[in-house]
Amino acid sequence: MSHSVSSERSLKICVRFFCRKPKTGILMLNMGGPEKLEDVHDFLLRLFMDTDLMQLPVQ
């Protein structure tokens, strides 16, 4: 096998296994909710401001 064919093969392996974009998933949770319409604002504020809830990487 010539050197250029070997290099091309190595590059294809790199692209195939190491250089791909990471897969993206969707996480869906049922975390309850407010009982009254008036409670929606406070519920969402507490939910999105809670730094201890979960931290996910952002792409």
PDB file of N, CA and C in Angstrom:
ATOM      1  N   MET A   1       0.857  -1.176   0.000  1.00  0.00           N
ATOM      2  CA  MET A   1       0.000   0.000   0.000  1.00  0.00           C
ATOM      3  C   MET A   1       0.899   1.233   0.000  1.00  0.00           C
ATOM      4  N   SER A   2       0.611   2.168  -0.872  1.00  0.00           N
ATOM      5  CA  SER A   2       1.454   3.352  -0.955  1.00  0.00           C
ATOM      6  C   SER A   2       1.193   4.288   0.217  1.00  0.00           C
ATOM      7  N   HIS A   3       2.108   5.213   0.413  1.00  0.00           N
ATOM      8  CA  HIS A   3       2.016   6.150   1.535  1.00  0.00           C
ATOM      9  C   HIS A   3       0.769   7.031   1.437  1.00  0.00           C
ATOM     10  N   SER A   4       0.456   7.530   0.229  1.00  0.00           N
ATOM     11  CA  SER A   4      -0.698   8.428   0.088  1.00  0.00           C
ATOM     12  C   SER A   4      -2.015   7.703   0.343  1.00  0.00           C
ATOM     13  N   VAL A   5      -2.110   6.439  -0.053  1.00  0.00           N
ATOM     14  CA  VAL A   5      -3.322   5.663   0.204  1.00  0.00           C
ATOM     15  C   VAL A   5      -3.472   5.427   1.694  1.00  0.00           C
ATOM     16  N   SER A   6      -2.358   5.139   2.370  1.00  0.00           N
ATOM     17  CA  SER A   6      -2.379   4.927   3.810  1.00  0.00           C
ATOM     18  C   SER A   6      -2.792   6.203   4.542  1.00  0.00           C
ATOM     19  N   SER A   7      -2.273   7.343   4.124  1.00  0.00           N
ATOM     20  CA  SER A   7      -2.624   8.619   4.750  1.00  0.00           C
ATOM     21  C   SER A   7      -4.094   8.951   4.529  1.00  0.00           C
ATOM     22  N   GLU A   8      -4.568   8.676   3.320  1.00  0.00           N
ATOM     23  CA  GLU A   8      -5.978   8.938   3.021  1.00  0.00           C
ATOM     24  C   GLU A   8      -6.879   8.053   3.874  1.00  0.00           C
ATOM     25  N   ARG A   9      -6.480   6.814   4.045  1.00  0.00           N
ATOM     26  CA  ARG A   9      -7.259   5.888   4.876  1.00  0.00           C
ATOM     27  C   ARG A   9      -7.275   6.358   6.333  1.00  0.00           C
ATOM     28  N   SER A  10      -6.139   6.798   6.837  1.00  0.00           N
ATOM     29  CA  SER A  10      -6.062   7.304   8.213  1.00  0.00           C
ATOM     30  C   SER A  10      -6.952   8.528   8.396  1.00  0.00           C
ATOM     31  N   LEU A  11      -6.971   9.392   7.399  1.00  0.00           N
ATOM     32  CA  LEU A  11      -7.810  10.584   7.471  1.00  0.00           C
ATOM     33  C   LEU A  11      -9.288  10.203   7.510  1.00  0.00           C
ATOM     34  N   LYS A  12      -9.686   9.238   6.692  1.00  0.00           N
ATOM     35  CA  LYS A  12     -11.082   8.788   6.695  1.00  0.00           C
ATOM     36  C   LYS A  12     -11.466   8.205   8.047  1.00  0.00           C
ATOM     37  N   ILE A  13     -10.563   7.458   8.658  1.00  0.00           N
ATOM     38  CA  ILE A  13     -10.829   6.887   9.982  1.00  0.00           C
ATOM     39  C   ILE A  13     -11.001   8.008  10.999  1.00  0.00           C
ATOM     40  N   CYS A  14     -10.135   9.017  10.929  1.00  0.00           N
ATOM     41  CA  CYS A  14     -10.237  10.156  11.853  1.00  0.00           C
ATOM     42  C   CYS A  14     -11.581  10.851  11.700  1.00  0.00           C
ATOM     43  N   VAL A  15     -11.953  11.137  10.482  1.00  0.00           N
ATOM     44  CA  VAL A  15     -13.212  11.837  10.231  1.00  0.00           C
ATOM     45  C   VAL A  15     -14.386  10.995  10.688  1.00  0.00           C
ATOM     46  N   ARG A  16     -14.315   9.706  10.443  1.00  0.00           N
ATOM     47  CA  ARG A  16     -15.437   8.826  10.764  1.00  0.00           C
ATOM     48  C   ARG A  16     -15.649   8.670  12.264  1.00  0.00           C
ATOM     49  N   PHE A  17     -14.578   8.555  13.041  1.00  0.00           N
ATOM     50  CA  PHE A  17     -14.705   8.224  14.454  1.00  0.00           C
ATOM     51  C   PHE A  17     -14.411   9.372  15.413  1.00  0.00           C
ATOM     52  N   PHE A  18     -13.584  10.310  15.041  1.00  0.00           N
ATOM     53  CA  PHE A  18     -13.136  11.312  16.005  1.00  0.00           C
ATOM     54  C   PHE A  18     -13.559  12.738  15.668  1.00  0.00           C
ATOM     55  N   CYS A  19     -13.822  13.031  14.441  1.00  0.00           N
ATOM     56  CA  CYS A  19     -14.046  14.414  14.026  1.00  0.00           C
ATOM     57  C   CYS A  19     -15.512  14.728  13.763  1.00  0.00           C
ATOM     58  N   ARG A  20     -16.418  13.872  14.198  1.00  0.00           N
ATOM     59  CA  ARG A  20     -17.843  14.107  13.982  1.00  0.00           C
ATOM     60  C   ARG A  20     -18.384  15.119  14.984  1.00  0.00           C
ATOM     61  N   LYS A  21     -19.483  15.744  14.607  1.00  0.00           N
ATOM     62  CA  LYS A  21     -20.185  16.611  15.552  1.00  0.00           C
ATOM     63  C   LYS A  21     -20.822  15.730  16.619  1.00  0.00           C
ATOM     64  N   PRO A  22     -20.908  16.219  17.840  1.00  0.00           N
ATOM     65  CA  PRO A  22     -21.575  15.421  18.877  1.00  0.00           C
ATOM     66  C   PRO A  22     -23.068  15.308  18.579  1.00  0.00           C
ATOM     67  N   LYS A  23     -23.643  14.193  18.974  1.00  0.00           N
ATOM     68  CA  LYS A  23     -25.080  14.009  18.790  1.00  0.00           C
ATOM     69  C   LYS A  23     -25.825  14.882  19.792  1.00  0.00           C
ATOM     70  N   THR A  24     -26.994  15.320  19.403  1.00  0.00           N
ATOM     71  CA  THR A  24     -27.831  16.143  20.269  1.00  0.00           C
ATOM     72  C   THR A  24     -29.039  15.336  20.703  1.00  0.00           C
ATOM     73  N   GLY A  25     -29.354  15.389  21.978  1.00  0.00           N
ATOM     74  CA  GLY A  25     -30.520  14.685  22.499  1.00  0.00           C
ATOM     75  C   GLY A  25     -31.505  15.668  23.098  1.00  0.00           C
ATOM     76  N   ILE A  26     -32.682  15.192  23.345  1.00  0.00           N
ATOM     77  CA  ILE A  26     -33.727  16.003  23.973  1.00  0.00           C
ATOM     78  C   ILE A  26     -34.088  15.356  25.302  1.00  0.00           C
ATOM     79  N   LEU A  27     -34.041  16.128  26.355  1.00  0.00           N
ATOM     80  CA  LEU A  27     -34.377  15.654  27.690  1.00  0.00           C
ATOM     81  C   LEU A  27     -35.729  16.236  28.076  1.00  0.00           C
ATOM     82  N   MET A  28     -36.680  15.364  28.342  1.00  0.00           N
ATOM     83  CA  MET A  28     -38.021  15.819  28.719  1.00  0.00           C
ATOM     84  C   MET A  28     -38.319  15.333  30.133  1.00  0.00           C
ATOM     85  N   LEU A  29     -38.721  16.254  30.984  1.00  0.00           N
ATOM     86  CA  LEU A  29     -39.032  15.932  32.372  1.00  0.00           C
ATOM     87  C   LEU A  29     -40.403  16.479  32.739  1.00  0.00           C
ATOM     88  N   ASN A  30     -41.109  15.763  33.575  1.00  0.00           N
ATOM     89  CA  ASN A  30     -42.355  16.274  34.138  1.00  0.00           C
ATOM     90  C   ASN A  30     -42.035  16.709  35.563  1.00  0.00           C
ATOM     91  N   MET A  31     -41.985  18.007  35.767  1.00  0.00           N
ATOM     92  CA  MET A  31     -41.580  18.538  37.065  1.00  0.00           C
ATOM     93  C   MET A  31     -42.740  19.215  37.776  1.00  0.00           C
ATOM     94  N   GLY A  32     -43.932  18.837  37.419  1.00  0.00           N
ATOM     95  CA  GLY A  32     -45.083  19.473  38.039  1.00  0.00           C
ATOM     96  C   GLY A  32     -45.337  20.828  37.423  1.00  0.00           C
ATOM     97  N   GLY A  33     -46.163  21.588  38.064  1.00  0.00           N
ATOM     98  CA  GLY A  33     -46.479  22.904  37.541  1.00  0.00           C
ATOM     99  C   GLY A  33     -47.377  23.663  38.484  1.00  0.00           C
ATOM    100  N   PRO A  34     -47.625  24.911  38.151  1.00  0.00           N
ATOM    101  CA  PRO A  34     -48.483  25.740  39.000  1.00  0.00           C
ATOM    102  C   PRO A  34     -49.933  25.276  38.914  1.00  0.00           C
ATOM    103  N   GLU A  35     -50.655  25.492  39.991  1.00  0.00           N
ATOM    104  CA  GLU A  35     -52.066  25.096  40.022  1.00  0.00           C
ATOM    105  C   GLU A  35     -52.976  26.189  39.478  1.00  0.00           C
ATOM    106  N   LYS A  36     -52.550  27.450  39.608  1.00  0.00           N
ATOM    107  CA  LYS A  36     -53.376  28.571  39.149  1.00  0.00           C
ATOM    108  C   LYS A  36     -52.589  29.406  38.145  1.00  0.00           C
ATOM    109  N   LEU A  37     -53.299  30.065  37.254  1.00  0.00           N
ATOM    110  CA  LEU A  37     -52.671  30.915  36.254  1.00  0.00           C
ATOM    111  C   LEU A  37     -51.807  31.997  36.901  1.00  0.00           C
ATOM    112  N   GLU A  38     -52.246  32.499  38.027  1.00  0.00           N
ATOM    113  CA  GLU A  38     -51.490  33.559  38.712  1.00  0.00           C
ATOM    114  C   GLU A  38     -50.130  33.065  39.212  1.00  0.00           C
ATOM    115  N   ASP A  39     -49.979  31.749  39.376  1.00  0.00           N
ATOM    116  CA  ASP A  39     -48.736  31.184  39.912  1.00  0.00           C
ATOM    117  C   ASP A  39     -47.694  30.884  38.834  1.00  0.00           C
ATOM    118  N   VAL A  40     -48.060  31.029  37.557  1.00  0.00           N
ATOM    119  CA  VAL A  40     -47.160  30.642  36.461  1.00  0.00           C
ATOM    120  C   VAL A  40     -45.866  31.447  36.482  1.00  0.00           C
ATOM    121  N   HIS A  41     -45.958  32.749  36.628  1.00  0.00           N
ATOM    122  CA  HIS A  41     -44.755  33.595  36.604  1.00  0.00           C
ATOM    123  C   HIS A  41     -43.761  33.182  37.681  1.00  0.00           C
ATOM    124  N   ASP A  42     -44.223  33.058  38.900  1.00  0.00           N
ATOM    125  CA  ASP A  42     -43.323  32.686  39.999  1.00  0.00           C
ATOM    126  C   ASP A  42     -42.764  31.277  39.813  1.00  0.00           C
ATOM    127  N   PHE A  43     -43.588  30.361  39.318  1.00  0.00           N
ATOM    128  CA  PHE A  43     -43.127  28.993  39.075  1.00  0.00           C
ATOM    129  C   PHE A  43     -41.992  28.982  38.053  1.00  0.00           C
ATOM    130  N   LEU A  44     -42.187  29.654  36.933  1.00  0.00           N
ATOM    131  CA  LEU A  44     -41.153  29.678  35.895  1.00  0.00           C
ATOM    132  C   LEU A  44     -39.904  30.412  36.366  1.00  0.00           C
ATOM    133  N   LEU A  45     -40.084  31.477  37.110  1.00  0.00           N
ATOM    134  CA  LEU A  45     -38.936  32.218  37.636  1.00  0.00           C
ATOM    135  C   LEU A  45     -38.094  31.328  38.543  1.00  0.00           C
ATOM    136  N   ARG A  46     -38.730  30.624  39.459  1.00  0.00           N
ATOM    137  CA  ARG A  46     -37.994  29.719  40.358  1.00  0.00           C
ATOM    138  C   ARG A  46     -37.343  28.577  39.579  1.00  0.00           C
ATOM    139  N   LEU A  47     -38.049  28.058  38.578  1.00  0.00           N
ATOM    140  CA  LEU A  47     -37.535  26.938  37.792  1.00  0.00           C
ATOM    141  C   LEU A  47     -36.269  27.319  37.035  1.00  0.00           C
ATOM    142  N   PHE A  48     -36.301  28.441  36.330  1.00  0.00           N
ATOM    143  CA  PHE A  48     -35.168  28.809  35.482  1.00  0.00           C
ATOM    144  C   PHE A  48     -34.048  29.516  36.236  1.00  0.00           C
ATOM    145  N   MET A  49     -34.297  29.995  37.429  1.00  0.00           N
ATOM    146  CA  MET A  49     -33.251  30.639  38.220  1.00  0.00           C
ATOM    147  C   MET A  49     -32.561  29.663  39.169  1.00  0.00           C
ATOM    148  N   ASP A  50     -33.063  28.452  39.277  1.00  0.00           N
ATOM    149  CA  ASP A  50     -32.506  27.456  40.199  1.00  0.00           C
ATOM    150  C   ASP A  50     -31.243  26.846  39.597  1.00  0.00           C
ATOM    151  N   THR A  51     -30.076  27.258  40.098  1.00  0.00           N
ATOM    152  CA  THR A  51     -28.809  26.748  39.562  1.00  0.00           C
ATOM    153  C   THR A  51     -28.515  25.331  40.029  1.00  0.00           C
ATOM    154  N   ASP A  52     -29.189  24.864  41.072  1.00  0.00           N
ATOM    155  CA  ASP A  52     -28.964  23.503  41.558  1.00  0.00           C
ATOM    156  C   ASP A  52     -29.832  22.472  40.842  1.00  0.00           C
ATOM    157  N   LEU A  53     -30.776  22.919  40.047  1.00  0.00           N
ATOM    158  CA  LEU A  53     -31.697  21.995  39.394  1.00  0.00           C
ATOM    159  C   LEU A  53     -30.951  21.043  38.467  1.00  0.00           C
ATOM    160  N   MET A  54     -30.316  21.554  37.438  1.00  0.00           N
ATOM    161  CA  MET A  54     -29.491  20.742  36.554  1.00  0.00           C
ATOM    162  C   MET A  54     -28.662  21.660  35.680  1.00  0.00           C
ATOM    163  N   GLN A  55     -27.521  21.161  35.302  1.00  0.00           N
ATOM    164  CA  GLN A  55     -26.664  21.908  34.394  1.00  0.00           C
ATOM    165  C   GLN A  55     -26.402  21.019  33.191  1.00  0.00           C
ATOM    166  N   LEU A  56     -26.781  21.489  32.024  1.00  0.00           N
ATOM    167  CA  LEU A  56     -26.564  20.749  30.793  1.00  0.00           C
ATOM    168  C   LEU A  56     -25.598  21.532  29.917  1.00  0.00           C
ATOM    169  N   PRO A  57     -24.763  20.841  29.161  1.00  0.00           N
ATOM    170  CA  PRO A  57     -23.885  21.574  28.239  1.00  0.00           C
ATOM    171  C   PRO A  57     -24.712  22.231  27.138  1.00  0.00           C
ATOM    172  N   VAL A  58     -24.304  23.394  26.746  1.00  0.00           N
ATOM    173  CA  VAL A  58     -25.009  24.125  25.702  1.00  0.00           C
ATOM    174  C   VAL A  58     -24.184  24.045  24.429  1.00  0.00           C
ATOM    175  N   GLN A  59     -24.832  23.701  23.341  1.00  0.00           N
ATOM    176  CA  GLN A  59     -24.111  23.613  22.059  1.00  0.00           C
ATOM    177  C   GLN A  59     -24.361  24.852  21.254  1.00  0.00           C
TER     178      GLN A  59
END
